[in-house]
């Protein structure tokens, strides 16, 4: 496209916009204030915890079948209370005992620290082997139950693959660390 046509096109678009804006601005009913009206009351700020959030007072909100009829508490209040005080329905958090850290001597000597790291790794491997022993029978029962209930084969295949991978990792670790295998494993 030639540059002259581009310039003419831009001038036509700008001129049309200015003309249209002038025509709308000259209409008496089109005058819109540019600043907020001074007569509009300011939005009230919540003064206390009970004011937040504002309760809808329309008749439609009172007749809604989705609102709980026995507890007029707002969800925001119950969520705030749960955040501050915890949820009484939640189970207690179980804390595991702290594992012993390296001693000062182990921290000072690289060879002793390497032995400490080896002990930590072997503890991890041992825990995996034990956890796999507990998880695999449950997975196999779940797979059998899924087949009996007619679950889709693609979903069953996910469980089979998970079981296969856990068993393979367990076997690999048991071969690599035979001294960690107990009679229960």
C-alpha atoms as a PDB file:
ATOM      1  CA  UNK A   1       0.000   0.000   0.000  1.00  0.00           C
ATOM      2  CA  UNK A   2       1.304   3.433  -0.867  1.00  0.00           C
ATOM      3  CA  UNK A   3       2.230   5.741   2.023  1.00  0.00           C
ATOM      4  CA  UNK A   4      -0.185   8.412   0.762  1.00  0.00           C
ATOM      5  CA  UNK A   5      -3.162   6.084   1.135  1.00  0.00           C
ATOM      6  CA  UNK A   6      -2.076   5.141   4.655  1.00  0.00           C
ATOM      7  CA  UNK A   7      -1.861   8.787   5.686  1.00  0.00           C
ATOM      8  CA  UNK A   8      -5.263   9.545   4.175  1.00  0.00           C
ATOM      9  CA  UNK A   9      -6.789   6.528   5.947  1.00  0.00           C
ATOM     10  CA  UNK A  10      -5.382   7.562   9.315  1.00  0.00           C
ATOM     11  CA  UNK A  11      -6.642  11.140   8.838  1.00  0.00           C
ATOM     12  CA  UNK A  12     -10.127   9.883   7.944  1.00  0.00           C
ATOM     13  CA  UNK A  13     -10.307   7.655  11.040  1.00  0.00           C
ATOM     14  CA  UNK A  14      -9.065  10.411  13.359  1.00  0.00           C
ATOM     15  CA  UNK A  15     -11.352  13.003  11.766  1.00  0.00           C
ATOM     16  CA  UNK A  16     -14.376  10.720  12.074  1.00  0.00           C
ATOM     17  CA  UNK A  17     -13.627  10.085  15.722  1.00  0.00           C
ATOM     18  CA  UNK A  18     -13.277  13.785  16.513  1.00  0.00           C
ATOM     19  CA  UNK A  19     -16.481  14.604  14.610  1.00  0.00           C
ATOM     20  CA  UNK A  20     -18.444  11.891  16.378  1.00  0.00           C
ATOM     21  CA  UNK A  21     -17.135  12.975  19.769  1.00  0.00           C
ATOM     22  CA  UNK A  22     -18.143  16.599  19.051  1.00  0.00           C
ATOM     23  CA  UNK A  23     -21.624  15.542  17.995  1.00  0.00           C
ATOM     24  CA  UNK A  24     -22.156  13.525  21.174  1.00  0.00           C
ATOM     25  CA  UNK A  25     -20.717  16.243  23.393  1.00  0.00           C
ATOM     26  CA  UNK A  26     -23.137  18.855  21.959  1.00  0.00           C
ATOM     27  CA  UNK A  27     -26.229  16.826  22.922  1.00  0.00           C
ATOM     28  CA  UNK A  28     -27.764  18.087  26.207  1.00  0.00           C
ATOM     29  CA  UNK A  29     -28.764  14.611  27.423  1.00  0.00           C
ATOM     30  CA  UNK A  30     -25.278  13.211  26.838  1.00  0.00           C
ATOM     31  CA  UNK A  31     -23.545  15.371  29.391  1.00  0.00           C
ATOM     32  CA  UNK A  32     -21.822  13.072  31.875  1.00  0.00           C
ATOM     33  CA  UNK A  33     -19.952  14.424  34.852  1.00  0.00           C
ATOM     34  CA  UNK A  34     -16.272  13.644  34.901  1.00  0.00           C
ATOM     35  CA  UNK A  35     -16.082  13.568  38.711  1.00  0.00           C
ATOM     36  CA  UNK A  36     -18.164  11.543  41.153  1.00  0.00           C
ATOM     37  CA  UNK A  37     -21.358  13.192  42.284  1.00  0.00           C
ATOM     38  CA  UNK A  38     -21.055  15.100  45.531  1.00  0.00           C
ATOM     39  CA  UNK A  39     -24.519  13.977  46.582  1.00  0.00           C
ATOM     40  CA  UNK A  40     -23.671  10.279  46.536  1.00  0.00           C
ATOM     41  CA  UNK A  41     -23.200   8.937  50.065  1.00  0.00           C
ATOM     42  CA  UNK A  42     -19.800   7.437  50.815  1.00  0.00           C
ATOM     43  CA  UNK A  43     -19.513   3.671  51.159  1.00  0.00           C
ATOM     44  CA  UNK A  44     -19.736   2.702  54.831  1.00  0.00           C
ATOM     45  CA  UNK A  45     -16.666   1.033  56.260  1.00  0.00           C
ATOM     46  CA  UNK A  46     -17.121  -1.973  58.512  1.00  0.00           C
ATOM     47  CA  UNK A  47     -16.776  -0.841  62.084  1.00  0.00           C
ATOM     48  CA  UNK A  48     -16.668  -4.178  63.864  1.00  0.00           C
ATOM     49  CA  UNK A  49     -16.089  -7.821  63.130  1.00  0.00           C
ATOM     50  CA  UNK A  50     -19.841  -8.408  62.875  1.00  0.00           C
ATOM     51  CA  UNK A  51     -20.155  -5.856  60.062  1.00  0.00           C
ATOM     52  CA  UNK A  52     -17.952  -7.833  57.730  1.00  0.00           C
ATOM     53  CA  UNK A  53     -19.084  -8.915  55.169  1.00  0.00           C
ATOM     54  CA  UNK A  54     -22.282  -7.001  54.693  1.00  0.00           C
ATOM     55  CA  UNK A  55     -25.373  -9.177  54.988  1.00  0.00           C
ATOM     56  CA  UNK A  56     -27.666  -9.052  51.989  1.00  0.00           C
ATOM     57  CA  UNK A  57     -31.071  -7.816  53.038  1.00  0.00           C
ATOM     58  CA  UNK A  58     -33.003  -8.396  49.825  1.00  0.00           C
ATOM     59  CA  UNK A  59     -36.047 -10.666  50.040  1.00  0.00           C
ATOM     60  CA  UNK A  60     -34.518 -13.001  47.443  1.00  0.00           C
ATOM     61  CA  UNK A  61     -31.581 -13.759  49.721  1.00  0.00           C
ATOM     62  CA  UNK A  62     -33.929 -14.634  52.584  1.00  0.00           C
ATOM     63  CA  UNK A  63     -35.969 -17.098  50.499  1.00  0.00           C
ATOM     64  CA  UNK A  64     -33.105 -18.904  48.813  1.00  0.00           C
ATOM     65  CA  UNK A  65     -33.323 -22.676  49.276  1.00  0.00           C
ATOM     66  CA  UNK A  66     -29.531 -22.902  49.089  1.00  0.00           C
ATOM     67  CA  UNK A  67     -28.921 -21.034  52.326  1.00  0.00           C
ATOM     68  CA  UNK A  68     -28.677 -23.144  55.481  1.00  0.00           C
ATOM     69  CA  UNK A  69     -31.788 -22.640  57.555  1.00  0.00           C
ATOM     70  CA  UNK A  70     -30.465 -23.787  60.913  1.00  0.00           C
ATOM     71  CA  UNK A  71     -27.275 -21.666  61.074  1.00  0.00           C
ATOM     72  CA  UNK A  72     -27.476 -18.020  60.106  1.00  0.00           C
ATOM     73  CA  UNK A  73     -23.672 -17.638  60.348  1.00  0.00           C
ATOM     74  CA  UNK A  74     -21.957 -16.297  57.304  1.00  0.00           C
ATOM     75  CA  UNK A  75     -19.361 -18.461  55.633  1.00  0.00           C
ATOM     76  CA  UNK A  76     -16.795 -15.680  55.981  1.00  0.00           C
ATOM     77  CA  UNK A  77     -17.198 -15.735  59.760  1.00  0.00           C
ATOM     78  CA  UNK A  78     -16.824 -19.493  60.034  1.00  0.00           C
ATOM     79  CA  UNK A  79     -13.786 -19.454  57.745  1.00  0.00           C
ATOM     80  CA  UNK A  80     -12.199 -16.674  59.790  1.00  0.00           C
ATOM     81  CA  UNK A  81     -12.879 -18.583  63.011  1.00  0.00           C
ATOM     82  CA  UNK A  82     -11.409 -21.783  61.543  1.00  0.00           C
ATOM     83  CA  UNK A  83      -8.319 -19.881  60.447  1.00  0.00           C
ATOM     84  CA  UNK A  84      -7.814 -18.369  63.887  1.00  0.00           C
ATOM     85  CA  UNK A  85      -8.853 -21.285  66.131  1.00  0.00           C
ATOM     86  CA  UNK A  86      -8.564 -24.310  63.878  1.00  0.00           C
ATOM     87  CA  UNK A  87     -11.288 -26.663  62.756  1.00  0.00           C
ATOM     88  CA  UNK A  88     -12.606 -28.931  65.501  1.00  0.00           C
ATOM     89  CA  UNK A  89     -13.466 -31.609  62.916  1.00  0.00           C
ATOM     90  CA  UNK A  90      -9.902 -31.969  61.658  1.00  0.00           C
ATOM     91  CA  UNK A  91      -7.756 -34.806  62.972  1.00  0.00           C
ATOM     92  CA  UNK A  92      -4.827 -33.917  65.183  1.00  0.00           C
ATOM     93  CA  UNK A  93      -1.480 -33.373  63.523  1.00  0.00           C
ATOM     94  CA  UNK A  94       0.870 -36.177  64.401  1.00  0.00           C
ATOM     95  CA  UNK A  95       4.456 -35.119  64.732  1.00  0.00           C
ATOM     96  CA  UNK A  96       7.139 -37.718  64.189  1.00  0.00           C
ATOM     97  CA  UNK A  97      10.015 -37.800  66.559  1.00  0.00           C
ATOM     98  CA  UNK A  98      12.981 -35.740  65.492  1.00  0.00           C
ATOM     99  CA  UNK A  99      15.757 -37.757  63.924  1.00  0.00           C
ATOM    100  CA  UNK A 100      19.134 -37.417  65.545  1.00  0.00           C
ATOM    101  CA  UNK A 101      21.324 -34.959  63.721  1.00  0.00           C
ATOM    102  CA  UNK A 102      25.047 -35.266  63.168  1.00  0.00           C
ATOM    103  CA  UNK A 103      27.289 -34.893  66.183  1.00  0.00           C
ATOM    104  CA  UNK A 104      29.942 -32.221  66.455  1.00  0.00           C
ATOM    105  CA  UNK A 105      32.615 -34.808  65.673  1.00  0.00           C
ATOM    106  CA  UNK A 106      30.761 -35.911  62.546  1.00  0.00           C
ATOM    107  CA  UNK A 107      30.413 -32.313  61.427  1.00  0.00           C
ATOM    108  CA  UNK A 108      34.108 -31.709  61.935  1.00  0.00           C
ATOM    109  CA  UNK A 109      35.384 -34.831  60.136  1.00  0.00           C
ATOM    110  CA  UNK A 110      34.400 -35.439  56.482  1.00  0.00           C
ATOM    111  CA  UNK A 111      34.803 -39.218  56.778  1.00  0.00           C
ATOM    112  CA  UNK A 112      32.541 -39.411  59.828  1.00  0.00           C
ATOM    113  CA  UNK A 113      30.014 -37.157  58.138  1.00  0.00           C
ATOM    114  CA  UNK A 114      30.013 -39.464  55.103  1.00  0.00           C
ATOM    115  CA  UNK A 115      29.221 -42.356  57.478  1.00  0.00           C
ATOM    116  CA  UNK A 116      26.377 -40.286  58.965  1.00  0.00           C
ATOM    117  CA  UNK A 117      24.980 -39.653  55.477  1.00  0.00           C
ATOM    118  CA  UNK A 118      25.209 -43.367  54.697  1.00  0.00           C
ATOM    119  CA  UNK A 119      23.231 -44.196  57.848  1.00  0.00           C
ATOM    120  CA  UNK A 120      20.580 -41.641  56.892  1.00  0.00           C
ATOM    121  CA  UNK A 121      20.324 -43.059  53.359  1.00  0.00           C
ATOM    122  CA  UNK A 122      20.071 -46.615  54.644  1.00  0.00           C
ATOM    123  CA  UNK A 123      17.302 -45.555  57.031  1.00  0.00           C
ATOM    124  CA  UNK A 124      15.451 -44.067  54.046  1.00  0.00           C
ATOM    125  CA  UNK A 125      15.890 -47.244  51.979  1.00  0.00           C
ATOM    126  CA  UNK A 126      14.767 -49.426  54.879  1.00  0.00           C
ATOM    127  CA  UNK A 127      11.670 -47.285  55.406  1.00  0.00           C
ATOM    128  CA  UNK A 128      10.816 -47.522  51.684  1.00  0.00           C
ATOM    129  CA  UNK A 129      11.080 -51.307  51.730  1.00  0.00           C
ATOM    130  CA  UNK A 130       8.805 -51.501  54.790  1.00  0.00           C
ATOM    131  CA  UNK A 131       6.293 -49.021  53.335  1.00  0.00           C
ATOM    132  CA  UNK A 132       6.183 -50.953  50.055  1.00  0.00           C
ATOM    133  CA  UNK A 133       5.463 -54.146  51.994  1.00  0.00           C
ATOM    134  CA  UNK A 134       2.479 -52.421  53.569  1.00  0.00           C
ATOM    135  CA  UNK A 135       1.226 -50.684  50.411  1.00  0.00           C
ATOM    136  CA  UNK A 136       1.468 -53.465  47.816  1.00  0.00           C
ATOM    137  CA  UNK A 137      -1.193 -55.805  49.305  1.00  0.00           C
ATOM    138  CA  UNK A 138      -3.623 -52.901  49.545  1.00  0.00           C
ATOM    139  CA  UNK A 139      -2.959 -51.902  45.936  1.00  0.00           C
ATOM    140  CA  UNK A 140      -3.516 -55.469  44.772  1.00  0.00           C
ATOM    141  CA  UNK A 141      -6.826 -55.617  46.645  1.00  0.00           C
ATOM    142  CA  UNK A 142      -7.863 -52.300  45.085  1.00  0.00           C
ATOM    143  CA  UNK A 143      -7.026 -53.611  41.602  1.00  0.00           C
ATOM    144  CA  UNK A 144      -9.041 -56.790  42.198  1.00  0.00           C
ATOM    145  CA  UNK A 145     -11.992 -54.793  43.540  1.00  0.00           C
ATOM    146  CA  UNK A 146     -11.832 -52.419  40.553  1.00  0.00           C
ATOM    147  CA  UNK A 147     -11.964 -55.375  38.146  1.00  0.00           C
ATOM    148  CA  UNK A 148     -14.883 -56.918  40.056  1.00  0.00           C
ATOM    149  CA  UNK A 149     -16.802 -53.639  39.916  1.00  0.00           C
ATOM    150  CA  UNK A 150     -16.220 -53.276  36.169  1.00  0.00           C
ATOM    151  CA  UNK A 151     -13.978 -50.233  36.241  1.00  0.00           C
ATOM    152  CA  UNK A 152     -12.448 -49.098  32.947  1.00  0.00           C
ATOM    153  CA  UNK A 153      -9.308 -50.980  31.956  1.00  0.00           C
ATOM    154  CA  UNK A 154      -7.408 -47.718  31.456  1.00  0.00           C
ATOM    155  CA  UNK A 155      -8.020 -46.797  35.093  1.00  0.00           C
ATOM    156  CA  UNK A 156      -7.083 -50.262  36.270  1.00  0.00           C
ATOM    157  CA  UNK A 157      -3.895 -50.060  34.208  1.00  0.00           C
ATOM    158  CA  UNK A 158      -2.848 -46.985  36.200  1.00  0.00           C
ATOM    159  CA  UNK A 159      -3.093 -48.955  39.445  1.00  0.00           C
ATOM    160  CA  UNK A 160      -1.282 -51.933  37.939  1.00  0.00           C
ATOM    161  CA  UNK A 161       1.556 -49.693  36.712  1.00  0.00           C
ATOM    162  CA  UNK A 162       1.830 -48.049  40.122  1.00  0.00           C
ATOM    163  CA  UNK A 163       1.976 -51.434  41.831  1.00  0.00           C
ATOM    164  CA  UNK A 164       4.549 -52.703  39.318  1.00  0.00           C
ATOM    165  CA  UNK A 165       6.819 -49.689  39.788  1.00  0.00           C
ATOM    166  CA  UNK A 166       6.687 -49.860  43.596  1.00  0.00           C
ATOM    167  CA  UNK A 167       7.501 -53.596  43.486  1.00  0.00           C
ATOM    168  CA  UNK A 168      10.335 -53.025  41.015  1.00  0.00           C
ATOM    169  CA  UNK A 169      11.887 -50.307  43.159  1.00  0.00           C
ATOM    170  CA  UNK A 170      11.522 -52.457  46.253  1.00  0.00           C
ATOM    171  CA  UNK A 171      13.214 -55.406  44.517  1.00  0.00           C
ATOM    172  CA  UNK A 172      16.029 -53.173  43.253  1.00  0.00           C
ATOM    173  CA  UNK A 173      16.644 -51.746  46.723  1.00  0.00           C
ATOM    174  CA  UNK A 174      16.528 -55.179  48.347  1.00  0.00           C
ATOM    175  CA  UNK A 175      19.155 -56.438  45.873  1.00  0.00           C
ATOM    176  CA  UNK A 176      21.346 -53.378  46.301  1.00  0.00           C
ATOM    177  CA  UNK A 177      21.087 -53.314  50.114  1.00  0.00           C
ATOM    178  CA  UNK A 178      20.594 -56.958  51.216  1.00  0.00           C
ATOM    179  CA  UNK A 179      21.839 -56.165  54.720  1.00  0.00           C
ATOM    180  CA  UNK A 180      18.770 -53.931  55.237  1.00  0.00           C
ATOM    181  CA  UNK A 181      16.277 -56.703  54.432  1.00  0.00           C
ATOM    182  CA  UNK A 182      14.689 -58.222  57.489  1.00  0.00           C
ATOM    183  CA  UNK A 183      12.762 -61.465  57.733  1.00  0.00           C
ATOM    184  CA  UNK A 184       9.484 -59.520  57.609  1.00  0.00           C
ATOM    185  CA  UNK A 185      10.432 -58.035  54.243  1.00  0.00           C
END
